[in-house]
Structure formats: structure tokens, C-alpha cells
Amino acid sequence: MAFAAVRKVFGGTVAVDDVTLDLARGEILALLGENGAGKSTMIKAIAGLVPCFGGKVRLGETDVTGLPPHVLVGNGMGF
């Protein structure tokens, strides 16, 4: 899974700004940060639970940006 330049904005507040990561199959990643840092929002945007304001999400070589959660689950991705 990879995501590039993921951005999420609520009103005028930037919750996630230009996050780019590339994870290998089976790799585990921990997101650490203070309350309100955007950790949950980033995962929700990647999982299709809230729309991304910008960026791309890939699962393997497939662009899954903006797909609804039930489609992502069918492709092996979940939150």
C-alpha cells in the first residue's frame, strides 16, 4: 500500500498535510502523535471513510483513491 501527498481539510483547518508513505506487504507502521495531530483522520481518509482533499492512495499497483470502504475491503484493505 502506498499513499502520496494525502491531504485532508475540515473547513479551514488542515488535519493531514502532504503525507507520503510506501508500505511493503506485511509491513507494520505505527503512527504516533499528540491528540489532534491527524492520526485517525489520515487512516480514515486512506480507508475511504472520509474523502481526501488531495493525494493518491494505491493498493498494489491499483489507484484506490476515493473508493468506498466496501470496495476497499473487497480488495483486502480495512480499518
N, C-alpha and C. Protein backbone atom coordinates (compact mmCIF):
# COMPACT_ATOMS: atom_id res chain seq x y z
N MET A 1 0.85 -1.16 0.00
CA MET A 1 0.00 0.00 0.00
C MET A 1 0.90 1.23 0.00
N ALA A 2 0.46 2.22 -0.71
CA ALA A 2 1.21 3.48 -0.73
C ALA A 2 0.22 4.63 -0.79
N PHE A 3 0.61 5.73 -0.22
CA PHE A 3 -0.18 6.95 -0.38
C PHE A 3 0.79 8.10 -0.56
N ALA A 4 0.40 8.99 -1.45
CA ALA A 4 1.27 10.10 -1.82
C ALA A 4 0.53 11.41 -1.72
N ALA A 5 1.11 12.33 -0.99
CA ALA A 5 0.59 13.70 -0.86
C ALA A 5 -0.85 13.74 -0.37
N VAL A 6 -1.21 12.82 0.54
CA VAL A 6 -2.57 12.78 1.08
C VAL A 6 -2.81 14.03 1.92
N ARG A 7 -3.96 14.64 1.70
CA ARG A 7 -4.30 15.89 2.39
C ARG A 7 -5.78 15.83 2.77
N LYS A 8 -6.10 16.28 3.97
CA LYS A 8 -7.48 16.33 4.44
C LYS A 8 -7.68 17.64 5.17
N VAL A 9 -8.73 18.36 4.77
CA VAL A 9 -9.04 19.66 5.36
C VAL A 9 -10.46 19.64 5.87
N PHE A 10 -10.68 20.15 7.07
CA PHE A 10 -12.01 20.34 7.64
C PHE A 10 -12.25 21.83 7.74
N GLY A 11 -13.15 22.35 6.90
CA GLY A 11 -13.34 23.80 6.88
C GLY A 11 -12.04 24.46 6.47
N GLY A 12 -11.49 25.30 7.31
CA GLY A 12 -10.21 25.92 7.02
C GLY A 12 -9.05 25.29 7.77
N THR A 13 -9.32 24.19 8.50
CA THR A 13 -8.29 23.54 9.30
C THR A 13 -7.68 22.36 8.55
N VAL A 14 -6.37 22.38 8.37
CA VAL A 14 -5.67 21.28 7.72
C VAL A 14 -5.39 20.21 8.77
N ALA A 15 -6.00 19.03 8.60
CA ALA A 15 -5.82 17.93 9.56
C ALA A 15 -4.67 17.02 9.14
N VAL A 16 -4.51 16.81 7.84
CA VAL A 16 -3.43 15.98 7.29
C VAL A 16 -2.85 16.75 6.11
N ASP A 17 -1.55 16.95 6.11
CA ASP A 17 -0.94 17.81 5.09
C ASP A 17 0.21 17.11 4.38
N ASP A 18 -0.03 16.67 3.15
CA ASP A 18 1.02 16.17 2.26
C ASP A 18 1.77 14.97 2.84
N VAL A 19 1.03 13.95 3.30
CA VAL A 19 1.65 12.75 3.87
C VAL A 19 1.91 11.75 2.75
N THR A 20 3.13 11.24 2.69
CA THR A 20 3.52 10.26 1.69
C THR A 20 4.22 9.10 2.39
N LEU A 21 3.72 7.88 2.18
CA LEU A 21 4.32 6.67 2.74
C LEU A 21 4.19 5.54 1.73
N ASP A 22 5.13 4.60 1.78
CA ASP A 22 5.08 3.41 0.93
C ASP A 22 5.34 2.21 1.83
N LEU A 23 4.34 1.35 1.98
CA LEU A 23 4.44 0.20 2.87
C LEU A 23 4.50 -1.08 2.07
N ALA A 24 5.44 -1.96 2.42
CA ALA A 24 5.54 -3.27 1.78
C ALA A 24 4.48 -4.20 2.36
N ARG A 25 4.10 -5.22 1.59
CA ARG A 25 3.12 -6.19 2.07
C ARG A 25 3.61 -6.79 3.39
N GLY A 26 2.76 -6.80 4.40
CA GLY A 26 3.10 -7.35 5.70
C GLY A 26 3.83 -6.39 6.63
N GLU A 27 4.22 -5.24 6.13
CA GLU A 27 4.91 -4.25 6.95
C GLU A 27 3.94 -3.62 7.94
N ILE A 28 4.42 -3.33 9.13
CA ILE A 28 3.60 -2.72 10.18
C ILE A 28 4.12 -1.31 10.43
N LEU A 29 3.20 -0.37 10.52
CA LEU A 29 3.55 1.03 10.75
C LEU A 29 2.79 1.54 11.96
N ALA A 30 3.46 2.27 12.83
CA ALA A 30 2.81 2.91 13.97
C ALA A 30 2.80 4.41 13.73
N LEU A 31 1.63 5.02 13.90
CA LEU A 31 1.51 6.47 13.81
C LEU A 31 1.45 7.03 15.22
N LEU A 32 2.37 7.88 15.55
CA LEU A 32 2.43 8.46 16.88
C LEU A 32 2.28 9.97 16.78
N GLY A 33 1.63 10.55 17.76
CA GLY A 33 1.49 12.00 17.78
C GLY A 33 0.53 12.43 18.86
N GLU A 34 0.51 13.71 19.10
CA GLU A 34 -0.37 14.29 20.11
C GLU A 34 -1.82 14.18 19.69
N ASN A 35 -2.72 14.37 20.66
CA ASN A 35 -4.14 14.45 20.34
C ASN A 35 -4.35 15.57 19.33
N GLY A 36 -5.18 15.29 18.33
CA GLY A 36 -5.47 16.30 17.32
C GLY A 36 -4.42 16.44 16.24
N ALA A 37 -3.43 15.54 16.21
CA ALA A 37 -2.36 15.64 15.21
C ALA A 37 -2.77 15.13 13.84
N GLY A 38 -3.91 14.42 13.74
CA GLY A 38 -4.39 13.94 12.45
C GLY A 38 -4.17 12.46 12.18
N LYS A 39 -3.78 11.70 13.20
CA LYS A 39 -3.51 10.27 13.02
C LYS A 39 -4.75 9.52 12.55
N SER A 40 -5.82 9.62 13.29
CA SER A 40 -7.06 8.92 12.93
C SER A 40 -7.64 9.44 11.63
N THR A 41 -7.56 10.73 11.42
CA THR A 41 -8.08 11.31 10.18
C THR A 41 -7.32 10.77 8.97
N MET A 42 -6.01 10.62 9.09
CA MET A 42 -5.23 10.09 7.98
C MET A 42 -5.66 8.67 7.65
N ILE A 43 -5.80 7.82 8.65
CA ILE A 43 -6.22 6.43 8.42
C ILE A 43 -7.62 6.39 7.85
N LYS A 44 -8.52 7.22 8.35
CA LYS A 44 -9.89 7.25 7.83
C LYS A 44 -9.91 7.70 6.37
N ALA A 45 -9.07 8.66 6.01
CA ALA A 45 -9.01 9.12 4.62
C ALA A 45 -8.47 8.01 3.71
N ILE A 46 -7.44 7.32 4.16
CA ILE A 46 -6.87 6.22 3.37
C ILE A 46 -7.88 5.09 3.22
N ALA A 47 -8.65 4.81 4.28
CA ALA A 47 -9.62 3.71 4.27
C ALA A 47 -10.94 4.07 3.59
N GLY A 48 -11.06 5.29 3.09
CA GLY A 48 -12.27 5.69 2.38
C GLY A 48 -13.42 6.11 3.26
N LEU A 49 -13.17 6.29 4.55
CA LEU A 49 -14.24 6.69 5.47
C LEU A 49 -14.52 8.18 5.42
N VAL A 50 -13.52 8.97 5.07
CA VAL A 50 -13.69 10.40 4.82
C VAL A 50 -12.95 10.71 3.52
N PRO A 51 -13.44 11.64 2.71
CA PRO A 51 -12.77 11.92 1.43
C PRO A 51 -11.43 12.65 1.62
N CYS A 52 -10.46 12.30 0.78
CA CYS A 52 -9.19 13.02 0.75
C CYS A 52 -9.39 14.35 0.04
N PHE A 53 -8.69 15.36 0.46
CA PHE A 53 -8.73 16.67 -0.19
C PHE A 53 -7.73 16.70 -1.34
N GLY A 54 -6.74 15.82 -1.26
CA GLY A 54 -5.73 15.72 -2.31
C GLY A 54 -4.90 14.48 -2.09
N GLY A 55 -4.10 14.13 -3.07
CA GLY A 55 -3.22 12.97 -2.97
C GLY A 55 -3.81 11.74 -3.62
N LYS A 56 -3.04 10.66 -3.56
CA LYS A 56 -3.42 9.38 -4.15
C LYS A 56 -3.17 8.26 -3.15
N VAL A 57 -4.04 7.25 -3.20
CA VAL A 57 -3.88 6.04 -2.39
C VAL A 57 -3.80 4.87 -3.35
N ARG A 58 -2.78 4.03 -3.21
CA ARG A 58 -2.63 2.85 -4.05
C ARG A 58 -2.61 1.59 -3.20
N LEU A 59 -3.21 0.56 -3.70
CA LEU A 59 -3.15 -0.77 -3.10
C LEU A 59 -2.53 -1.65 -4.16
N GLY A 60 -1.26 -2.01 -3.97
CA GLY A 60 -0.51 -2.65 -5.04
C GLY A 60 -0.28 -1.62 -6.13
N GLU A 61 -0.62 -1.97 -7.35
CA GLU A 61 -0.49 -1.03 -8.46
C GLU A 61 -1.80 -0.32 -8.79
N THR A 62 -2.85 -0.59 -8.01
CA THR A 62 -4.18 -0.06 -8.30
C THR A 62 -4.43 1.23 -7.53
N ASP A 63 -4.87 2.26 -8.22
CA ASP A 63 -5.25 3.52 -7.58
C ASP A 63 -6.63 3.33 -6.96
N VAL A 64 -6.71 3.40 -5.64
CA VAL A 64 -7.98 3.20 -4.93
C VAL A 64 -8.47 4.50 -4.28
N THR A 65 -7.89 5.61 -4.67
CA THR A 65 -8.27 6.91 -4.11
C THR A 65 -9.76 7.15 -4.31
N GLY A 66 -10.45 7.45 -3.23
CA GLY A 66 -11.86 7.81 -3.31
C GLY A 66 -12.83 6.65 -3.40
N LEU A 67 -12.32 5.41 -3.44
CA LEU A 67 -13.24 4.28 -3.48
C LEU A 67 -13.92 4.11 -2.12
N PRO A 68 -15.17 3.67 -2.10
CA PRO A 68 -15.87 3.49 -0.83
C PRO A 68 -15.28 2.32 -0.04
N PRO A 69 -15.47 2.34 1.28
CA PRO A 69 -14.89 1.31 2.14
C PRO A 69 -15.24 -0.12 1.74
N HIS A 70 -16.49 -0.38 1.31
CA HIS A 70 -16.85 -1.76 0.98
C HIS A 70 -16.08 -2.29 -0.22
N VAL A 71 -15.68 -1.42 -1.13
CA VAL A 71 -14.86 -1.83 -2.27
C VAL A 71 -13.43 -2.10 -1.79
N LEU A 72 -12.92 -1.25 -0.91
CA LEU A 72 -11.57 -1.43 -0.37
C LEU A 72 -11.46 -2.73 0.41
N VAL A 73 -12.48 -3.05 1.21
CA VAL A 73 -12.48 -4.30 1.97
C VAL A 73 -12.44 -5.49 1.02
N GLY A 74 -13.17 -5.41 -0.08
CA GLY A 74 -13.16 -6.47 -1.07
C GLY A 74 -11.79 -6.67 -1.71
N ASN A 75 -10.94 -5.65 -1.62
CA ASN A 75 -9.57 -5.73 -2.15
C ASN A 75 -8.55 -6.02 -1.04
N GLY A 76 -9.03 -6.35 0.16
CA GLY A 76 -8.12 -6.74 1.24
C GLY A 76 -7.66 -5.62 2.14
N MET A 77 -8.31 -4.47 2.08
CA MET A 77 -7.91 -3.33 2.91
C MET A 77 -9.04 -3.00 3.88
N GLY A 78 -8.71 -2.67 5.11
CA GLY A 78 -9.75 -2.32 6.07
C GLY A 78 -9.21 -1.46 7.19
N PHE A 79 -10.13 -0.94 7.99
CA PHE A 79 -9.78 -0.06 9.10
C PHE A 79 -10.38 -0.62 10.36
